Amino acid sequence: MSAADLIGRLEGVIKTGKGWRARCPAHGGKSASLAITEADNGTLLVHCFAGCQVHDVLGAVGLQVGDLFARKDLRSMSPAERSQLRQAAMLPRWRAALSVLVTEASVVLIGANQLDAGEPLDDTDLTRLRVAALRIFDAQEVLHAR
């Protein structure tokens, strides 16, 4: 769906710097409390400053949340384009896995330093160290996934 498809279903639309403002169809009102922006990837971002939920806003104009996302026709893409799309989809998972590794490596380091100082680990510390190890293994699985 393009921004024009959504904008055409709204009332009181005005162009703003990066998008549009309109009257929210979910709660009515006279002010332009609904913000619409198109992301770089074609996804439409919709926010009602009066607090309406996105699914309520879209339902009021006969749309669903899935309609906000740009659809890719994988059959018309080259193998290189499909590969690039798959890699782009993996980036958030890879970033999250790296963040887990940083956090859990810190936990392991704290435990190692405590043991090096001759201080025993209590049951809570041992449990947390085991959780850290499991999370590190999970992050490894994410990073090795293809």
N, C-alpha and C. Protein backbone atom coordinates (compact mmCIF):
# COMPACT_ATOMS: atom_id res chain seq x y z
N MET A 1 0.85 -1.18 0.00
CA MET A 1 0.00 0.00 0.00
C MET A 1 0.89 1.23 0.00
N SER A 2 0.53 2.19 -0.78
CA SER A 2 1.29 3.44 -0.79
C SER A 2 0.67 4.42 0.20
N ALA A 3 1.43 5.46 0.49
CA ALA A 3 0.91 6.49 1.39
C ALA A 3 -0.34 7.14 0.80
N ALA A 4 -0.35 7.30 -0.51
CA ALA A 4 -1.50 7.91 -1.18
C ALA A 4 -2.77 7.09 -0.97
N ASP A 5 -2.64 5.76 -0.92
CA ASP A 5 -3.81 4.91 -0.69
C ASP A 5 -4.43 5.18 0.68
N LEU A 6 -3.59 5.35 1.70
CA LEU A 6 -4.09 5.63 3.03
C LEU A 6 -4.59 7.07 3.13
N ILE A 7 -3.81 8.00 2.63
CA ILE A 7 -4.17 9.42 2.70
C ILE A 7 -5.53 9.66 2.05
N GLY A 8 -5.80 8.95 0.94
CA GLY A 8 -7.07 9.11 0.24
C GLY A 8 -8.28 8.70 1.05
N ARG A 9 -8.08 7.94 2.10
CA ARG A 9 -9.18 7.47 2.95
C ARG A 9 -9.39 8.36 4.18
N LEU A 10 -8.56 9.37 4.34
CA LEU A 10 -8.60 10.22 5.54
C LEU A 10 -9.16 11.59 5.23
N GLU A 11 -9.60 12.29 6.28
CA GLU A 11 -10.13 13.65 6.14
C GLU A 11 -9.19 14.63 6.82
N GLY A 12 -9.20 15.87 6.34
CA GLY A 12 -8.41 16.93 6.95
C GLY A 12 -6.92 16.73 6.79
N VAL A 13 -6.49 16.13 5.70
CA VAL A 13 -5.07 15.82 5.50
C VAL A 13 -4.28 17.08 5.17
N ILE A 14 -3.16 17.25 5.86
CA ILE A 14 -2.22 18.33 5.55
C ILE A 14 -0.82 17.74 5.46
N LYS A 15 -0.03 18.25 4.53
CA LYS A 15 1.35 17.79 4.35
C LYS A 15 2.21 18.44 5.42
N THR A 16 3.09 17.64 6.02
CA THR A 16 4.05 18.16 6.99
C THR A 16 5.44 17.90 6.44
N GLY A 17 6.46 18.25 7.19
CA GLY A 17 7.83 18.10 6.71
C GLY A 17 8.16 16.70 6.22
N LYS A 18 7.91 15.68 7.03
CA LYS A 18 8.29 14.32 6.67
C LYS A 18 7.10 13.42 6.38
N GLY A 19 5.90 13.94 6.40
CA GLY A 19 4.74 13.09 6.19
C GLY A 19 3.47 13.89 6.10
N TRP A 20 2.43 13.42 6.78
CA TRP A 20 1.12 14.05 6.73
C TRP A 20 0.50 14.01 8.11
N ARG A 21 -0.45 14.92 8.31
CA ARG A 21 -1.30 14.91 9.51
C ARG A 21 -2.73 14.89 9.00
N ALA A 22 -3.62 14.24 9.77
CA ALA A 22 -5.02 14.14 9.38
C ALA A 22 -5.87 13.97 10.63
N ARG A 23 -7.19 14.12 10.46
CA ARG A 23 -8.10 13.82 11.56
C ARG A 23 -8.15 12.31 11.72
N CYS A 24 -8.13 11.84 12.93
CA CYS A 24 -8.14 10.41 13.21
C CYS A 24 -9.54 9.85 12.97
N PRO A 25 -9.67 8.85 12.10
CA PRO A 25 -10.99 8.28 11.84
C PRO A 25 -11.51 7.42 12.99
N ALA A 26 -10.65 7.02 13.90
CA ALA A 26 -11.09 6.16 15.00
C ALA A 26 -11.84 6.93 16.07
N HIS A 27 -11.38 8.13 16.39
CA HIS A 27 -12.05 8.87 17.46
C HIS A 27 -12.72 10.15 16.97
N GLY A 28 -12.56 10.46 15.70
CA GLY A 28 -13.18 11.68 15.18
C GLY A 28 -12.40 12.89 15.63
N GLY A 29 -13.07 13.89 16.05
CA GLY A 29 -12.39 15.11 16.48
C GLY A 29 -12.11 16.03 15.30
N LYS A 30 -11.75 17.25 15.64
CA LYS A 30 -11.53 18.26 14.60
C LYS A 30 -10.06 18.55 14.36
N SER A 31 -9.19 18.11 15.27
CA SER A 31 -7.76 18.41 15.10
C SER A 31 -7.08 17.28 14.31
N ALA A 32 -5.95 17.63 13.73
CA ALA A 32 -5.16 16.66 12.95
C ALA A 32 -4.24 15.90 13.91
N SER A 33 -4.82 14.95 14.63
CA SER A 33 -4.06 14.22 15.66
C SER A 33 -3.39 12.96 15.12
N LEU A 34 -3.63 12.63 13.87
CA LEU A 34 -3.07 11.41 13.28
C LEU A 34 -1.86 11.78 12.42
N ALA A 35 -0.71 11.16 12.73
CA ALA A 35 0.51 11.40 11.97
C ALA A 35 0.79 10.18 11.09
N ILE A 36 1.15 10.43 9.84
CA ILE A 36 1.48 9.37 8.90
C ILE A 36 2.83 9.71 8.29
N THR A 37 3.75 8.74 8.32
CA THR A 37 5.09 8.91 7.76
C THR A 37 5.43 7.66 6.98
N GLU A 38 6.13 7.83 5.86
CA GLU A 38 6.58 6.68 5.09
C GLU A 38 8.06 6.44 5.38
N ALA A 39 8.39 5.26 5.88
CA ALA A 39 9.77 4.91 6.20
C ALA A 39 10.56 4.68 4.92
N ASP A 40 11.88 4.64 5.05
CA ASP A 40 12.75 4.44 3.89
C ASP A 40 12.44 3.14 3.15
N ASN A 41 11.97 2.12 3.86
CA ASN A 41 11.69 0.83 3.23
C ASN A 41 10.27 0.73 2.68
N GLY A 42 9.52 1.84 2.71
CA GLY A 42 8.16 1.85 2.18
C GLY A 42 7.08 1.56 3.20
N THR A 43 7.44 1.17 4.40
CA THR A 43 6.47 0.90 5.46
C THR A 43 5.82 2.20 5.90
N LEU A 44 4.52 2.17 6.11
CA LEU A 44 3.82 3.35 6.60
C LEU A 44 3.77 3.32 8.13
N LEU A 45 4.13 4.42 8.74
CA LEU A 45 4.10 4.57 10.20
C LEU A 45 2.91 5.46 10.53
N VAL A 46 2.04 4.97 11.41
CA VAL A 46 0.80 5.68 11.76
C VAL A 46 0.74 5.83 13.27
N HIS A 47 0.49 7.08 13.73
CA HIS A 47 0.41 7.33 15.17
C HIS A 47 -0.67 8.36 15.46
N CYS A 48 -1.59 8.02 16.36
CA CYS A 48 -2.62 8.95 16.80
C CYS A 48 -2.17 9.54 18.13
N PHE A 49 -2.02 10.86 18.17
CA PHE A 49 -1.57 11.53 19.39
C PHE A 49 -2.66 11.60 20.45
N ALA A 50 -3.89 11.23 20.09
CA ALA A 50 -4.96 11.16 21.10
C ALA A 50 -4.96 9.81 21.79
N GLY A 51 -4.15 8.88 21.29
CA GLY A 51 -4.01 7.59 21.96
C GLY A 51 -4.72 6.42 21.30
N CYS A 52 -5.31 6.60 20.14
CA CYS A 52 -5.99 5.49 19.47
C CYS A 52 -4.98 4.43 19.04
N GLN A 53 -5.38 3.18 19.12
CA GLN A 53 -4.54 2.08 18.68
C GLN A 53 -4.51 2.03 17.16
N VAL A 54 -3.38 1.60 16.60
CA VAL A 54 -3.22 1.55 15.14
C VAL A 54 -4.30 0.70 14.49
N HIS A 55 -4.61 -0.46 15.09
CA HIS A 55 -5.62 -1.32 14.46
C HIS A 55 -7.00 -0.67 14.47
N ASP A 56 -7.30 0.18 15.45
CA ASP A 56 -8.56 0.90 15.47
C ASP A 56 -8.60 1.98 14.38
N VAL A 57 -7.49 2.69 14.23
CA VAL A 57 -7.39 3.73 13.21
C VAL A 57 -7.58 3.11 11.83
N LEU A 58 -6.86 2.05 11.56
CA LEU A 58 -6.93 1.42 10.24
C LEU A 58 -8.28 0.76 10.00
N GLY A 59 -8.82 0.12 11.03
CA GLY A 59 -10.13 -0.52 10.90
C GLY A 59 -11.22 0.48 10.53
N ALA A 60 -11.09 1.70 11.01
CA ALA A 60 -12.09 2.73 10.71
C ALA A 60 -12.10 3.13 9.24
N VAL A 61 -11.02 2.81 8.51
CA VAL A 61 -10.97 3.12 7.07
C VAL A 61 -10.87 1.84 6.24
N GLY A 62 -11.20 0.70 6.86
CA GLY A 62 -11.26 -0.56 6.14
C GLY A 62 -9.91 -1.20 5.83
N LEU A 63 -8.91 -0.94 6.66
CA LEU A 63 -7.58 -1.51 6.45
C LEU A 63 -7.15 -2.33 7.66
N GLN A 64 -6.06 -3.09 7.49
CA GLN A 64 -5.46 -3.86 8.56
C GLN A 64 -4.00 -3.45 8.70
N VAL A 65 -3.39 -3.80 9.82
CA VAL A 65 -1.99 -3.42 10.09
C VAL A 65 -1.07 -3.93 8.99
N GLY A 66 -1.30 -5.13 8.50
CA GLY A 66 -0.46 -5.69 7.44
C GLY A 66 -0.45 -4.84 6.17
N ASP A 67 -1.49 -4.03 5.98
CA ASP A 67 -1.56 -3.17 4.80
C ASP A 67 -0.51 -2.05 4.83
N LEU A 68 0.06 -1.77 6.01
CA LEU A 68 1.04 -0.69 6.13
C LEU A 68 2.40 -1.07 5.58
N PHE A 69 2.66 -2.36 5.42
CA PHE A 69 3.98 -2.82 5.05
C PHE A 69 4.09 -3.03 3.54
N ALA A 70 5.21 -2.58 3.01
CA ALA A 70 5.47 -2.77 1.58
C ALA A 70 5.63 -4.26 1.31
N ARG A 71 5.01 -4.71 0.25
CA ARG A 71 5.12 -6.13 -0.11
C ARG A 71 6.14 -6.29 -1.22
N LYS A 72 6.95 -7.32 -1.09
CA LYS A 72 7.98 -7.63 -2.09
C LYS A 72 7.52 -8.84 -2.89
N ASP A 73 7.62 -8.76 -4.20
CA ASP A 73 7.34 -9.90 -5.06
C ASP A 73 8.64 -10.64 -5.27
N LEU A 74 8.87 -11.70 -4.49
CA LEU A 74 10.13 -12.42 -4.53
C LEU A 74 10.38 -13.07 -5.88
N ARG A 75 9.32 -13.43 -6.59
CA ARG A 75 9.49 -14.09 -7.89
C ARG A 75 10.11 -13.16 -8.93
N SER A 76 9.87 -11.87 -8.79
CA SER A 76 10.41 -10.94 -9.78
C SER A 76 11.82 -10.45 -9.41
N MET A 77 12.33 -10.90 -8.27
CA MET A 77 13.65 -10.46 -7.82
C MET A 77 14.73 -11.42 -8.33
N SER A 78 15.90 -10.87 -8.55
CA SER A 78 17.04 -11.71 -8.94
C SER A 78 17.53 -12.47 -7.70
N PRO A 79 18.31 -13.55 -7.90
CA PRO A 79 18.86 -14.27 -6.75
C PRO A 79 19.68 -13.36 -5.83
N ALA A 80 20.43 -12.43 -6.41
CA ALA A 80 21.22 -11.51 -5.60
C ALA A 80 20.32 -10.59 -4.77
N GLU A 81 19.22 -10.12 -5.36
CA GLU A 81 18.28 -9.26 -4.62
C GLU A 81 17.61 -10.03 -3.48
N ARG A 82 17.23 -11.29 -3.74
CA ARG A 82 16.62 -12.12 -2.69
C ARG A 82 17.61 -12.36 -1.56
N SER A 83 18.86 -12.62 -1.91
CA SER A 83 19.90 -12.83 -0.90
C SER A 83 20.09 -11.57 -0.05
N GLN A 84 20.10 -10.43 -0.70
CA GLN A 84 20.26 -9.15 0.01
C GLN A 84 19.07 -8.92 0.94
N LEU A 85 17.87 -9.24 0.49
CA LEU A 85 16.68 -9.09 1.31
C LEU A 85 16.73 -10.01 2.53
N ARG A 86 17.17 -11.27 2.35
CA ARG A 86 17.29 -12.20 3.48
C ARG A 86 18.31 -11.69 4.49
N GLN A 87 19.44 -11.18 4.00
CA GLN A 87 20.46 -10.67 4.92
C GLN A 87 19.95 -9.46 5.69
N ALA A 88 19.22 -8.57 5.00
CA ALA A 88 18.67 -7.40 5.69
C ALA A 88 17.67 -7.82 6.76
N ALA A 89 16.92 -8.89 6.51
CA ALA A 89 15.96 -9.38 7.50
C ALA A 89 16.66 -9.97 8.71
N MET A 90 17.87 -10.47 8.53
CA MET A 90 18.62 -11.08 9.63
C MET A 90 19.32 -10.04 10.52
N LEU A 91 19.56 -8.84 10.03
CA LEU A 91 20.31 -7.85 10.80
C LEU A 91 19.76 -7.59 12.20
N PRO A 92 18.46 -7.41 12.39
CA PRO A 92 17.97 -7.18 13.75
C PRO A 92 18.25 -8.37 14.68
N ARG A 93 18.14 -9.59 14.16
CA ARG A 93 18.44 -10.77 14.98
C ARG A 93 19.91 -10.81 15.36
N TRP A 94 20.78 -10.48 14.40
CA TRP A 94 22.21 -10.47 14.66
C TRP A 94 22.57 -9.41 15.69
N ARG A 95 21.97 -8.23 15.57
CA ARG A 95 22.24 -7.17 16.54
C ARG A 95 21.80 -7.59 17.94
N ALA A 96 20.63 -8.20 18.03
CA ALA A 96 20.14 -8.66 19.33
C ALA A 96 21.05 -9.73 19.91
N ALA A 97 21.51 -10.66 19.07
CA ALA A 97 22.41 -11.72 19.54
C ALA A 97 23.73 -11.14 20.04
N LEU A 98 24.26 -10.15 19.33
CA LEU A 98 25.50 -9.52 19.78
C LEU A 98 25.31 -8.79 21.10
N SER A 99 24.16 -8.16 21.26
CA SER A 99 23.86 -7.48 22.52
C SER A 99 23.80 -8.49 23.68
N VAL A 100 23.18 -9.64 23.44
CA VAL A 100 23.14 -10.70 24.45
C VAL A 100 24.55 -11.16 24.79
N LEU A 101 25.38 -11.35 23.77
CA LEU A 101 26.75 -11.81 24.00
C LEU A 101 27.53 -10.83 24.87
N VAL A 102 27.36 -9.54 24.63
CA VAL A 102 28.06 -8.53 25.42
C VAL A 102 27.61 -8.60 26.88
N THR A 103 26.30 -8.67 27.10
CA THR A 103 25.76 -8.72 28.46
C THR A 103 26.19 -9.98 29.19
N GLU A 104 26.02 -11.12 28.54
CA GLU A 104 26.31 -12.39 29.21
C GLU A 104 27.81 -12.61 29.38
N ALA A 105 28.63 -12.08 28.48
CA ALA A 105 30.08 -12.17 28.67
C ALA A 105 30.49 -11.38 29.92
N SER A 106 29.80 -10.28 30.17
CA SER A 106 30.06 -9.50 31.39
C SER A 106 29.73 -10.31 32.63
N VAL A 107 28.63 -11.05 32.60
CA VAL A 107 28.25 -11.89 33.73
C VAL A 107 29.31 -12.96 33.97
N VAL A 108 29.77 -13.59 32.88
CA VAL A 108 30.81 -14.62 33.00
C VAL A 108 32.09 -14.02 33.57
N LEU A 109 32.46 -12.83 33.11
CA LEU A 109 33.67 -12.16 33.59
C LEU A 109 33.56 -11.84 35.08
N ILE A 110 32.41 -11.36 35.52
CA ILE A 110 32.21 -11.07 36.94
C ILE A 110 32.37 -12.35 37.77
N GLY A 111 31.77 -13.45 37.30
CA GLY A 111 31.90 -14.72 38.01
C GLY A 111 33.34 -15.20 38.05
N ALA A 112 34.05 -15.06 36.94
CA ALA A 112 35.46 -15.48 36.89
C ALA A 112 36.31 -14.63 37.84
N ASN A 113 36.06 -13.34 37.86
CA ASN A 113 36.81 -12.46 38.77
C ASN A 113 36.54 -12.80 40.23
N GLN A 114 35.28 -13.13 40.52
CA GLN A 114 34.92 -13.50 41.90
C GLN A 114 35.64 -14.78 42.30
N LEU A 115 35.66 -15.77 41.41
CA LEU A 115 36.37 -17.02 41.70
C LEU A 115 37.87 -16.79 41.81
N ASP A 116 38.42 -15.93 40.95
CA ASP A 116 39.85 -15.62 40.98
C ASP A 116 40.24 -14.96 42.29
N ALA A 117 39.31 -14.18 42.86
CA ALA A 117 39.58 -13.51 44.13
C ALA A 117 39.40 -14.45 45.32
N GLY A 118 39.08 -15.71 45.03
CA GLY A 118 38.91 -16.69 46.11
C GLY A 118 37.55 -16.65 46.76
N GLU A 119 36.61 -15.93 46.17
CA GLU A 119 35.25 -15.84 46.72
C GLU A 119 34.38 -16.91 46.05
N PRO A 120 33.73 -17.74 46.84
CA PRO A 120 32.88 -18.77 46.25
C PRO A 120 31.61 -18.16 45.65
N LEU A 121 31.04 -18.87 44.71
CA LEU A 121 29.77 -18.45 44.12
C LEU A 121 28.63 -19.13 44.88
N ASP A 122 27.64 -18.34 45.27
CA ASP A 122 26.50 -18.95 45.96
C ASP A 122 25.54 -19.53 44.91
N ASP A 123 24.44 -20.11 45.37
CA ASP A 123 23.50 -20.76 44.45
C ASP A 123 22.91 -19.79 43.43
N THR A 124 22.62 -18.57 43.87
CA THR A 124 22.08 -17.56 42.97
C THR A 124 23.11 -17.21 41.89
N ASP A 125 24.38 -17.04 42.29
CA ASP A 125 25.44 -16.73 41.33
C ASP A 125 25.62 -17.87 40.33
N LEU A 126 25.62 -19.10 40.83
CA LEU A 126 25.78 -20.25 39.94
C LEU A 126 24.62 -20.37 38.94
N THR A 127 23.43 -20.14 39.42
CA THR A 127 22.26 -20.18 38.54
C THR A 127 22.37 -19.11 37.46
N ARG A 128 22.79 -17.90 37.87
CA ARG A 128 22.92 -16.81 36.88
C ARG A 128 24.02 -17.13 35.88
N LEU A 129 25.10 -17.75 36.32
CA LEU A 129 26.19 -18.13 35.43
C LEU A 129 25.71 -19.19 34.42
N ARG A 130 24.89 -20.13 34.89
CA ARG A 130 24.32 -21.13 33.97
C ARG A 130 23.39 -20.49 32.95
N VAL A 131 22.58 -19.55 33.39
CA VAL A 131 21.70 -18.82 32.47
C VAL A 131 22.53 -18.08 31.43
N ALA A 132 23.61 -17.45 31.87
CA ALA A 132 24.49 -16.73 30.94
C ALA A 132 25.03 -17.68 29.87
N ALA A 133 25.46 -18.87 30.30
CA ALA A 133 25.99 -19.85 29.35
C ALA A 133 24.92 -20.27 28.35
N LEU A 134 23.71 -20.51 28.81
CA LEU A 134 22.62 -20.91 27.91
C LEU A 134 22.29 -19.79 26.92
N ARG A 135 22.28 -18.56 27.40
CA ARG A 135 22.00 -17.43 26.50
C ARG A 135 23.11 -17.25 25.46
N ILE A 136 24.34 -17.50 25.86
CA ILE A 136 25.46 -17.42 24.91
C ILE A 136 25.29 -18.49 23.83
N PHE A 137 24.91 -19.71 24.23
CA PHE A 137 24.67 -20.77 23.25
C PHE A 137 23.51 -20.40 22.32
N ASP A 138 22.44 -19.81 22.87
CA ASP A 138 21.32 -19.37 22.04
C ASP A 138 21.75 -18.30 21.04
N ALA A 139 22.56 -17.36 21.50
CA ALA A 139 23.05 -16.31 20.59
C ALA A 139 23.91 -16.91 19.49
N GLN A 140 24.69 -17.91 19.84
CA GLN A 140 25.51 -18.59 18.84
C GLN A 140 24.62 -19.21 17.76
N GLU A 141 23.52 -19.82 18.16
CA GLU A 141 22.59 -20.42 17.18
C GLU A 141 22.02 -19.36 16.25
N VAL A 142 21.68 -18.21 16.79
CA VAL A 142 21.15 -17.12 15.96
C VAL A 142 22.19 -16.66 14.97
N LEU A 143 23.42 -16.51 15.42
CA LEU A 143 24.48 -16.00 14.54
C LEU A 143 24.90 -17.01 13.48
N HIS A 144 24.69 -18.29 13.74
CA HIS A 144 25.04 -19.32 12.77
C HIS A 144 23.90 -19.67 11.83
N ALA A 145 22.70 -19.18 12.11
CA ALA A 145 21.53 -19.49 11.26
C ALA A 145 21.71 -18.88 9.88
N ARG A 146 21.21 -19.59 8.93
CA ARG A 146 21.29 -19.11 7.52
C ARG A 146 19.92 -18.98 6.95
